[in-house]
Amino acid sequence: MIPNIDALESFELIWRFSDAEKYTQLTAEEFLHFQPLEIERSKGLWEQHVYSNSTCTSNHLCKLIIGNHIDLPDFSFQSFADDNVAEVIKELHQRISCDRSLKIYFFWHSEVCVASNWGIFLDHWDDFCYPSDDSNIIIFPDLDLAVLYREDMWWIMEHPKNSVLFDQNLKNRNA
């Protein structure tokens, strides 16, 4: 059951986290650490951490790539739909050693973001990331890292605190 919180009730992707029959059901405790952000707050964080412009041509990772606004380095590792979920978690744990309670911002695009924690993401990563339709960005506001997920490929990238991951005036510093 979804807690009676307006932000959760109006969150457009809530079905991924509340439909126990088809997807997953976050616990009441997990919902306390799963906070959908209002559109303006989400866009502000996107411009602060991801790309300093959130227009319709730069509000999604795929649009940034297709529009040739950014270059991505070689991917860090790849996962496939038939992979064991535990293998993806193991890979992420090996590459990113941090406390499970560490805050993250998870972006589906500039206007759809949740503030959560690393542990909830690890426990439910396959509900956050759908290979058929998602290109996602995870920002760790307290670490110098970001994680990108696109079509079964994962990038773990440097992201100095208080900087944008992709500078629109420079091609990606991580490439």
N, C-alpha and C. Protein backbone atom coordinates (compact mmCIF):
# COMPACT_ATOMS: atom_id res chain seq x y z
N MET A 1 0.84 -1.19 0.00
CA MET A 1 0.00 0.00 0.00
C MET A 1 0.88 1.25 0.00
N ILE A 2 0.51 2.20 -0.82
CA ILE A 2 1.25 3.46 -0.92
C ILE A 2 0.85 4.35 0.25
N PRO A 3 1.82 4.91 0.96
CA PRO A 3 1.47 5.87 2.01
C PRO A 3 0.69 7.03 1.40
N ASN A 4 -0.16 7.64 2.16
CA ASN A 4 -0.98 8.74 1.67
C ASN A 4 -0.16 10.03 1.64
N ILE A 5 0.70 10.11 0.66
CA ILE A 5 1.54 11.29 0.48
C ILE A 5 1.31 11.78 -0.94
N ASP A 6 0.93 13.04 -1.10
CA ASP A 6 0.56 13.57 -2.41
C ASP A 6 1.63 13.33 -3.47
N ALA A 7 2.90 13.55 -3.12
CA ALA A 7 3.97 13.38 -4.10
C ALA A 7 4.03 11.95 -4.62
N LEU A 8 3.77 10.98 -3.76
CA LEU A 8 3.77 9.59 -4.20
C LEU A 8 2.54 9.28 -5.05
N GLU A 9 1.40 9.76 -4.60
CA GLU A 9 0.15 9.47 -5.31
C GLU A 9 0.15 10.05 -6.72
N SER A 10 0.82 11.21 -6.91
CA SER A 10 0.81 11.83 -8.23
C SER A 10 2.05 11.47 -9.07
N PHE A 11 2.95 10.67 -8.53
CA PHE A 11 4.16 10.28 -9.24
C PHE A 11 3.81 9.39 -10.42
N GLU A 12 4.21 9.79 -11.63
CA GLU A 12 3.77 9.09 -12.84
C GLU A 12 4.30 7.67 -12.98
N LEU A 13 5.34 7.30 -12.26
CA LEU A 13 5.88 5.94 -12.35
C LEU A 13 5.65 5.12 -11.07
N ILE A 14 4.70 5.54 -10.27
CA ILE A 14 4.47 4.87 -8.99
C ILE A 14 4.13 3.38 -9.18
N TRP A 15 3.52 3.02 -10.29
CA TRP A 15 3.15 1.63 -10.54
C TRP A 15 4.36 0.70 -10.49
N ARG A 16 5.54 1.20 -10.82
CA ARG A 16 6.73 0.35 -10.77
C ARG A 16 7.10 -0.06 -9.35
N PHE A 17 6.62 0.71 -8.39
CA PHE A 17 7.03 0.51 -7.00
C PHE A 17 5.87 0.16 -6.07
N SER A 18 4.67 0.01 -6.64
CA SER A 18 3.51 -0.24 -5.78
C SER A 18 2.60 -1.36 -6.27
N ASP A 19 2.91 -1.96 -7.40
CA ASP A 19 2.07 -3.02 -7.94
C ASP A 19 2.74 -4.37 -7.66
N ALA A 20 2.44 -4.94 -6.51
CA ALA A 20 3.11 -6.18 -6.06
C ALA A 20 2.84 -7.36 -6.98
N GLU A 21 1.73 -7.33 -7.69
CA GLU A 21 1.42 -8.46 -8.58
C GLU A 21 2.30 -8.48 -9.82
N LYS A 22 2.60 -7.31 -10.39
CA LYS A 22 3.36 -7.26 -11.64
C LYS A 22 4.80 -6.81 -11.45
N TYR A 23 5.07 -5.96 -10.49
CA TYR A 23 6.39 -5.36 -10.37
C TYR A 23 6.96 -5.57 -8.98
N THR A 24 6.94 -4.55 -8.20
CA THR A 24 7.46 -4.66 -6.84
C THR A 24 6.56 -3.87 -5.91
N GLN A 25 6.77 -4.04 -4.66
CA GLN A 25 6.04 -3.26 -3.67
C GLN A 25 7.06 -2.80 -2.65
N LEU A 26 7.34 -1.51 -2.66
CA LEU A 26 8.22 -0.99 -1.62
C LEU A 26 7.52 -1.14 -0.28
N THR A 27 8.29 -1.36 0.75
CA THR A 27 7.73 -1.44 2.09
C THR A 27 7.42 -0.03 2.59
N ALA A 28 6.66 0.05 3.66
CA ALA A 28 6.36 1.36 4.25
C ALA A 28 7.65 2.07 4.64
N GLU A 29 8.62 1.33 5.16
CA GLU A 29 9.93 1.91 5.53
C GLU A 29 10.66 2.42 4.30
N GLU A 30 10.63 1.65 3.20
CA GLU A 30 11.30 2.09 1.97
C GLU A 30 10.63 3.34 1.40
N PHE A 31 9.30 3.40 1.47
CA PHE A 31 8.62 4.58 0.96
C PHE A 31 9.03 5.85 1.72
N LEU A 32 9.46 5.72 2.96
CA LEU A 32 9.94 6.88 3.71
C LEU A 32 11.20 7.48 3.08
N HIS A 33 11.93 6.65 2.32
CA HIS A 33 13.19 7.06 1.70
C HIS A 33 13.09 7.09 0.17
N PHE A 34 11.90 7.26 -0.34
CA PHE A 34 11.61 7.30 -1.77
C PHE A 34 10.73 8.52 -2.00
N GLN A 35 11.36 9.61 -2.45
CA GLN A 35 10.64 10.87 -2.52
C GLN A 35 10.63 11.43 -3.94
N PRO A 36 9.52 11.27 -4.65
CA PRO A 36 9.41 11.91 -5.97
C PRO A 36 9.51 13.43 -5.81
N LEU A 37 10.24 14.05 -6.70
CA LEU A 37 10.44 15.49 -6.61
C LEU A 37 9.48 16.22 -7.55
N GLU A 38 9.09 17.40 -7.15
CA GLU A 38 8.25 18.23 -8.01
C GLU A 38 9.03 18.57 -9.27
N ILE A 39 8.33 18.83 -10.36
CA ILE A 39 8.97 19.06 -11.65
C ILE A 39 10.02 20.17 -11.58
N GLU A 40 9.71 21.29 -10.99
CA GLU A 40 10.67 22.40 -10.95
C GLU A 40 11.91 22.05 -10.13
N ARG A 41 11.73 21.33 -9.03
CA ARG A 41 12.87 20.89 -8.22
C ARG A 41 13.72 19.91 -9.02
N SER A 42 13.07 18.99 -9.72
CA SER A 42 13.78 18.01 -10.53
C SER A 42 14.59 18.71 -11.62
N LYS A 43 13.97 19.65 -12.33
CA LYS A 43 14.67 20.38 -13.39
C LYS A 43 15.85 21.17 -12.83
N GLY A 44 15.68 21.73 -11.65
CA GLY A 44 16.77 22.46 -11.02
C GLY A 44 17.95 21.56 -10.70
N LEU A 45 17.66 20.37 -10.18
CA LEU A 45 18.74 19.41 -9.87
C LEU A 45 19.39 18.90 -11.15
N TRP A 46 18.60 18.67 -12.21
CA TRP A 46 19.16 18.27 -13.50
C TRP A 46 20.17 19.32 -13.97
N GLU A 47 19.76 20.59 -13.93
CA GLU A 47 20.64 21.66 -14.41
C GLU A 47 21.85 21.85 -13.50
N GLN A 48 21.72 21.53 -12.24
CA GLN A 48 22.83 21.64 -11.29
C GLN A 48 23.81 20.48 -11.42
N HIS A 49 23.30 19.28 -11.67
CA HIS A 49 24.15 18.08 -11.61
C HIS A 49 24.39 17.37 -12.94
N VAL A 50 23.45 17.47 -13.89
CA VAL A 50 23.56 16.65 -15.11
C VAL A 50 23.95 17.49 -16.32
N TYR A 51 23.12 18.43 -16.70
CA TYR A 51 23.33 19.24 -17.89
C TYR A 51 22.70 20.58 -17.62
N SER A 52 23.41 21.66 -17.87
CA SER A 52 22.96 22.97 -17.39
C SER A 52 21.80 23.57 -18.18
N ASN A 53 21.13 22.76 -18.95
CA ASN A 53 19.99 23.22 -19.72
C ASN A 53 18.97 22.08 -19.71
N SER A 54 17.72 22.38 -19.48
CA SER A 54 16.71 21.32 -19.46
C SER A 54 15.62 21.58 -20.49
N THR A 55 16.01 22.12 -21.66
CA THR A 55 15.03 22.34 -22.72
C THR A 55 14.58 21.00 -23.27
N CYS A 56 13.59 21.02 -24.14
CA CYS A 56 13.05 19.77 -24.68
C CYS A 56 14.08 18.99 -25.49
N THR A 57 15.16 19.62 -25.95
CA THR A 57 16.19 18.89 -26.69
C THR A 57 17.32 18.38 -25.80
N SER A 58 17.28 18.74 -24.53
CA SER A 58 18.35 18.30 -23.64
C SER A 58 17.84 17.82 -22.29
N ASN A 59 16.59 17.33 -22.25
CA ASN A 59 16.00 16.94 -20.97
C ASN A 59 16.02 15.44 -20.72
N HIS A 60 16.72 14.70 -21.56
CA HIS A 60 16.75 13.25 -21.44
C HIS A 60 18.11 12.75 -21.94
N LEU A 61 18.64 11.73 -21.31
CA LEU A 61 19.95 11.21 -21.69
C LEU A 61 19.99 10.84 -23.17
N CYS A 62 18.97 10.17 -23.68
CA CYS A 62 18.96 9.80 -25.10
C CYS A 62 19.00 11.03 -26.00
N LYS A 63 18.27 12.08 -25.65
CA LYS A 63 18.28 13.30 -26.46
C LYS A 63 19.66 13.96 -26.44
N LEU A 64 20.35 13.89 -25.30
CA LEU A 64 21.70 14.45 -25.23
C LEU A 64 22.65 13.68 -26.14
N ILE A 65 22.48 12.36 -26.20
CA ILE A 65 23.35 11.53 -27.04
C ILE A 65 22.99 11.71 -28.52
N ILE A 66 21.72 11.56 -28.84
CA ILE A 66 21.29 11.66 -30.24
C ILE A 66 21.53 13.05 -30.80
N GLY A 67 21.32 14.07 -29.99
CA GLY A 67 21.54 15.45 -30.42
C GLY A 67 23.01 15.84 -30.48
N ASN A 68 23.88 14.89 -30.18
CA ASN A 68 25.33 15.10 -30.20
C ASN A 68 25.76 16.20 -29.22
N HIS A 69 25.03 16.32 -28.11
CA HIS A 69 25.39 17.28 -27.08
C HIS A 69 26.49 16.73 -26.17
N ILE A 70 26.57 15.40 -26.08
CA ILE A 70 27.55 14.76 -25.20
C ILE A 70 28.19 13.57 -25.91
N ASP A 71 29.35 13.21 -25.43
CA ASP A 71 30.00 11.96 -25.82
C ASP A 71 30.12 11.12 -24.57
N LEU A 72 29.85 9.84 -24.71
CA LEU A 72 30.01 8.93 -23.58
C LEU A 72 31.30 8.14 -23.75
N PRO A 73 31.99 7.87 -22.66
CA PRO A 73 33.16 6.98 -22.74
C PRO A 73 32.69 5.55 -22.96
N ASP A 74 33.61 4.63 -23.09
CA ASP A 74 33.24 3.23 -23.16
C ASP A 74 32.48 2.87 -21.89
N PHE A 75 31.49 1.98 -22.02
CA PHE A 75 30.69 1.62 -20.86
C PHE A 75 31.53 0.83 -19.86
N SER A 76 31.11 0.88 -18.60
CA SER A 76 31.84 0.22 -17.51
C SER A 76 31.55 -1.27 -17.47
N PHE A 77 30.28 -1.65 -17.61
CA PHE A 77 29.91 -3.06 -17.70
C PHE A 77 28.53 -3.16 -18.33
N GLN A 78 28.19 -4.37 -18.74
CA GLN A 78 26.92 -4.60 -19.41
C GLN A 78 26.13 -5.66 -18.67
N SER A 79 24.82 -5.49 -18.65
CA SER A 79 23.94 -6.50 -18.06
C SER A 79 22.89 -6.84 -19.11
N PHE A 80 22.33 -8.00 -18.99
CA PHE A 80 21.30 -8.43 -19.94
C PHE A 80 20.05 -8.83 -19.19
N ALA A 81 18.92 -8.76 -19.88
CA ALA A 81 17.63 -9.05 -19.24
C ALA A 81 17.61 -10.41 -18.56
N ASP A 82 18.35 -11.36 -19.11
CA ASP A 82 18.33 -12.70 -18.51
C ASP A 82 19.41 -12.88 -17.44
N ASP A 83 20.18 -11.83 -17.16
CA ASP A 83 21.18 -11.92 -16.10
C ASP A 83 20.50 -12.09 -14.74
N ASN A 84 21.19 -12.74 -13.87
CA ASN A 84 20.75 -12.87 -12.50
C ASN A 84 20.83 -11.48 -11.85
N VAL A 85 19.75 -11.05 -11.23
CA VAL A 85 19.72 -9.75 -10.58
C VAL A 85 20.89 -9.60 -9.61
N ALA A 86 21.24 -10.67 -8.92
CA ALA A 86 22.33 -10.63 -7.95
C ALA A 86 23.66 -10.28 -8.62
N GLU A 87 23.84 -10.66 -9.88
CA GLU A 87 25.09 -10.35 -10.59
C GLU A 87 25.24 -8.85 -10.82
N VAL A 88 24.16 -8.19 -11.16
CA VAL A 88 24.21 -6.74 -11.36
C VAL A 88 24.53 -6.05 -10.03
N ILE A 89 23.87 -6.47 -8.97
CA ILE A 89 24.12 -5.88 -7.65
C ILE A 89 25.57 -6.11 -7.24
N LYS A 90 26.07 -7.31 -7.45
CA LYS A 90 27.46 -7.62 -7.12
C LYS A 90 28.42 -6.71 -7.90
N GLU A 91 28.17 -6.53 -9.16
CA GLU A 91 29.01 -5.66 -10.00
C GLU A 91 28.99 -4.22 -9.49
N LEU A 92 27.80 -3.72 -9.18
CA LEU A 92 27.69 -2.35 -8.67
C LEU A 92 28.39 -2.21 -7.32
N HIS A 93 28.24 -3.21 -6.43
CA HIS A 93 28.91 -3.19 -5.13
C HIS A 93 30.43 -3.16 -5.30
N GLN A 94 30.96 -3.94 -6.22
CA GLN A 94 32.40 -3.99 -6.43
C GLN A 94 32.93 -2.66 -6.95
N ARG A 95 32.16 -1.99 -7.77
CA ARG A 95 32.62 -0.75 -8.39
C ARG A 95 32.33 0.50 -7.57
N ILE A 96 31.31 0.42 -6.72
CA ILE A 96 30.93 1.57 -5.90
C ILE A 96 30.78 1.10 -4.47
N SER A 97 31.79 1.36 -3.67
CA SER A 97 31.70 0.95 -2.27
C SER A 97 31.29 2.16 -1.43
N CYS A 98 30.05 2.15 -1.03
CA CYS A 98 29.54 3.23 -0.18
C CYS A 98 28.42 2.66 0.69
N ASP A 99 28.04 3.41 1.66
CA ASP A 99 26.98 3.01 2.57
C ASP A 99 25.64 2.96 1.83
N ARG A 100 24.84 1.97 2.14
CA ARG A 100 23.54 1.81 1.50
C ARG A 100 22.60 2.98 1.78
N SER A 101 22.83 3.72 2.86
CA SER A 101 21.95 4.84 3.19
C SER A 101 22.34 6.13 2.47
N LEU A 102 23.39 6.08 1.66
CA LEU A 102 23.84 7.28 0.95
C LEU A 102 22.76 7.78 -0.01
N LYS A 103 22.51 9.08 0.03
CA LYS A 103 21.48 9.71 -0.78
C LYS A 103 21.83 9.66 -2.26
N ILE A 104 20.81 9.41 -3.09
CA ILE A 104 20.95 9.49 -4.54
C ILE A 104 19.79 10.30 -5.11
N TYR A 105 20.04 10.88 -6.29
CA TYR A 105 18.98 11.42 -7.13
C TYR A 105 18.92 10.51 -8.34
N PHE A 106 17.77 9.93 -8.59
CA PHE A 106 17.60 9.04 -9.73
C PHE A 106 16.72 9.76 -10.75
N PHE A 107 17.28 9.99 -11.95
CA PHE A 107 16.56 10.69 -13.02
C PHE A 107 16.13 9.72 -14.11
N TRP A 108 14.85 9.79 -14.47
CA TRP A 108 14.38 9.17 -15.71
C TRP A 108 14.56 10.20 -16.82
N HIS A 109 14.33 11.45 -16.50
CA HIS A 109 14.65 12.60 -17.36
C HIS A 109 14.58 13.84 -16.48
N SER A 110 14.76 15.00 -17.07
CA SER A 110 14.91 16.21 -16.24
C SER A 110 13.70 16.51 -15.36
N GLU A 111 12.52 16.07 -15.75
CA GLU A 111 11.32 16.39 -14.99
C GLU A 111 10.84 15.26 -14.09
N VAL A 112 11.46 14.10 -14.17
CA VAL A 112 11.04 12.96 -13.35
C VAL A 112 12.26 12.43 -12.61
N CYS A 113 12.26 12.69 -11.31
CA CYS A 113 13.39 12.33 -10.46
C CYS A 113 12.87 11.97 -9.07
N VAL A 114 13.54 11.02 -8.44
CA VAL A 114 13.27 10.73 -7.04
C VAL A 114 14.55 10.90 -6.24
N ALA A 115 14.39 11.37 -5.03
CA ALA A 115 15.47 11.34 -4.05
C ALA A 115 15.26 10.05 -3.27
N SER A 116 16.29 9.26 -3.18
CA SER A 116 16.19 7.99 -2.47
C SER A 116 17.55 7.68 -1.86
N ASN A 117 17.83 6.39 -1.67
CA ASN A 117 19.16 6.03 -1.18
C ASN A 117 19.69 4.84 -1.99
N TRP A 118 20.99 4.65 -1.90
CA TRP A 118 21.67 3.63 -2.68
C TRP A 118 21.13 2.23 -2.40
N GLY A 119 20.79 1.94 -1.16
CA GLY A 119 20.27 0.63 -0.80
C GLY A 119 18.95 0.31 -1.47
N ILE A 120 18.03 1.28 -1.50
CA ILE A 120 16.75 1.05 -2.16
C ILE A 120 16.97 0.83 -3.65
N PHE A 121 17.87 1.61 -4.24
CA PHE A 121 18.17 1.38 -5.66
C PHE A 121 18.71 -0.03 -5.87
N LEU A 122 19.69 -0.45 -5.06
CA LEU A 122 20.26 -1.79 -5.24
C LEU A 122 19.21 -2.88 -5.06
N ASP A 123 18.35 -2.71 -4.09
CA ASP A 123 17.32 -3.72 -3.83
C ASP A 123 16.26 -3.79 -4.93
N HIS A 124 16.09 -2.71 -5.67
CA HIS A 124 15.01 -2.64 -6.67
C HIS A 124 15.49 -2.10 -8.01
N TRP A 125 16.78 -2.28 -8.33
CA TRP A 125 17.33 -1.65 -9.54
C TRP A 125 16.55 -2.01 -10.79
N ASP A 126 16.04 -3.22 -10.88
CA ASP A 126 15.34 -3.62 -12.10
C ASP A 126 13.92 -3.03 -12.19
N ASP A 127 13.46 -2.37 -11.14
CA ASP A 127 12.23 -1.60 -11.23
C ASP A 127 12.52 -0.15 -11.59
N PHE A 128 13.70 0.32 -11.25
CA PHE A 128 14.13 1.66 -11.64
C PHE A 128 14.52 1.67 -13.13
N CYS A 129 15.20 0.63 -13.58
CA CYS A 129 15.80 0.59 -14.92
C CYS A 129 15.13 -0.45 -15.79
N TYR A 130 14.53 0.00 -16.86
CA TYR A 130 13.92 -0.90 -17.84
C TYR A 130 14.72 -0.79 -19.13
N PRO A 131 15.32 -1.87 -19.59
CA PRO A 131 16.17 -1.78 -20.78
C PRO A 131 15.44 -1.34 -22.04
N SER A 132 14.16 -1.59 -22.12
CA SER A 132 13.44 -1.26 -23.35
C SER A 132 13.08 0.22 -23.47
N ASP A 133 13.06 0.95 -22.36
CA ASP A 133 12.58 2.33 -22.49
C ASP A 133 13.32 3.36 -21.66
N ASP A 134 14.30 2.96 -20.92
CA ASP A 134 14.91 3.91 -20.01
C ASP A 134 16.37 4.21 -20.34
N SER A 135 16.71 5.42 -20.09
CA SER A 135 18.10 5.87 -20.05
C SER A 135 18.15 6.72 -18.79
N ASN A 136 18.82 6.22 -17.80
CA ASN A 136 18.73 6.82 -16.47
C ASN A 136 20.06 7.36 -15.99
N ILE A 137 19.97 8.29 -15.07
CA ILE A 137 21.15 8.88 -14.46
C ILE A 137 20.97 8.88 -12.95
N ILE A 138 22.00 8.39 -12.25
CA ILE A 138 22.01 8.44 -10.79
C ILE A 138 23.12 9.40 -10.39
N ILE A 139 22.75 10.37 -9.58
CA ILE A 139 23.72 11.32 -9.04
C ILE A 139 23.86 11.03 -7.55
N PHE A 140 25.09 10.93 -7.10
CA PHE A 140 25.41 10.82 -5.68
C PHE A 140 25.85 12.22 -5.24
N PRO A 141 24.98 13.01 -4.60
CA PRO A 141 25.37 14.38 -4.25
C PRO A 141 26.54 14.46 -3.27
N ASP A 142 26.81 13.36 -2.54
CA ASP A 142 27.89 13.39 -1.55
C ASP A 142 29.11 12.58 -1.97
N LEU A 143 29.13 12.08 -3.19
CA LEU A 143 30.30 11.37 -3.73
C LEU A 143 30.68 12.02 -5.05
N ASP A 144 31.86 11.74 -5.51
CA ASP A 144 32.31 12.25 -6.81
C ASP A 144 32.00 11.25 -7.91
N LEU A 145 30.79 10.69 -7.89
CA LEU A 145 30.41 9.67 -8.86
C LEU A 145 28.99 9.91 -9.39
N ALA A 146 28.79 9.39 -10.60
CA ALA A 146 27.45 9.30 -11.18
C ALA A 146 27.38 7.95 -11.89
N VAL A 147 26.18 7.44 -12.04
CA VAL A 147 25.96 6.18 -12.75
C VAL A 147 24.94 6.44 -13.84
N LEU A 148 25.23 5.95 -15.04
CA LEU A 148 24.30 6.03 -16.15
C LEU A 148 23.92 4.63 -16.56
N TYR A 149 22.66 4.48 -16.96
CA TYR A 149 22.17 3.19 -17.44
C TYR A 149 21.43 3.45 -18.74
N ARG A 150 21.81 2.72 -19.78
CA ARG A 150 21.13 2.85 -21.07
C ARG A 150 21.23 1.53 -21.82
N GLU A 151 20.07 0.95 -22.12
CA GLU A 151 20.00 -0.26 -22.93
C GLU A 151 20.98 -1.33 -22.48
N ASP A 152 20.89 -1.70 -21.22
CA ASP A 152 21.71 -2.76 -20.62
C ASP A 152 23.18 -2.40 -20.44
N MET A 153 23.55 -1.16 -20.67
CA MET A 153 24.93 -0.74 -20.45
C MET A 153 24.97 0.21 -19.26
N TRP A 154 26.03 0.10 -18.49
CA TRP A 154 26.21 0.90 -17.28
C TRP A 154 27.51 1.69 -17.41
N TRP A 155 27.45 2.95 -17.04
CA TRP A 155 28.63 3.79 -16.97
C TRP A 155 28.76 4.28 -15.53
N ILE A 156 29.93 4.13 -14.97
CA ILE A 156 30.24 4.71 -13.66
C ILE A 156 31.26 5.80 -13.95
N MET A 157 30.87 7.03 -13.67
CA MET A 157 31.64 8.18 -14.13
C MET A 157 32.01 9.11 -12.99
N GLU A 158 33.13 9.79 -13.18
CA GLU A 158 33.51 10.86 -12.25
C GLU A 158 32.46 11.96 -12.32
N HIS A 159 32.14 12.49 -11.17
CA HIS A 159 31.21 13.62 -11.10
C HIS A 159 31.57 14.46 -9.89
N PRO A 160 32.54 15.37 -10.04
CA PRO A 160 32.91 16.21 -8.89
C PRO A 160 31.69 16.92 -8.31
N LYS A 161 31.62 16.92 -7.00
CA LYS A 161 30.51 17.57 -6.31
C LYS A 161 30.38 19.01 -6.81
N ASN A 162 29.17 19.49 -6.84
CA ASN A 162 28.87 20.87 -7.23
C ASN A 162 29.30 21.19 -8.65
N SER A 163 29.24 20.20 -9.54
CA SER A 163 29.51 20.45 -10.95
C SER A 163 28.49 19.69 -11.79
N VAL A 164 28.39 20.06 -13.06
CA VAL A 164 27.50 19.33 -13.95
C VAL A 164 28.28 18.17 -14.56
N LEU A 165 27.59 17.07 -14.74
CA LEU A 165 28.20 15.89 -15.32
C LEU A 165 28.60 16.14 -16.77
N PHE A 166 27.71 16.80 -17.52
CA PHE A 166 27.96 17.12 -18.91
C PHE A 166 27.89 18.63 -19.08
N ASP A 167 29.00 19.26 -19.37
CA ASP A 167 29.06 20.70 -19.57
C ASP A 167 28.66 21.00 -21.00
N GLN A 168 27.62 21.81 -21.18
CA GLN A 168 27.15 22.08 -22.53
C GLN A 168 28.15 22.89 -23.34
N ASN A 169 29.12 23.54 -22.69
CA ASN A 169 30.13 24.30 -23.39
C ASN A 169 31.35 23.46 -23.77
N LEU A 170 31.47 22.32 -23.15
CA LEU A 170 32.56 21.39 -23.43
C LEU A 170 31.95 20.03 -23.68
N LYS A 171 32.50 19.27 -24.58
CA LYS A 171 32.04 17.90 -24.69
C LYS A 171 32.43 17.20 -23.40
N ASN A 172 31.75 16.17 -23.06
CA ASN A 172 31.89 15.44 -21.79
C ASN A 172 33.35 15.25 -21.38
N ARG A 173 33.67 15.65 -20.17
CA ARG A 173 35.03 15.51 -19.64
C ARG A 173 35.38 14.04 -19.36
N ASN A 174 34.39 13.17 -19.29
CA ASN A 174 34.64 11.77 -18.99
C ASN A 174 34.97 10.94 -20.23
N ALA A 175 34.77 11.48 -21.41
CA ALA A 175 35.00 10.72 -22.66
C ALA A 175 36.48 10.55 -22.91
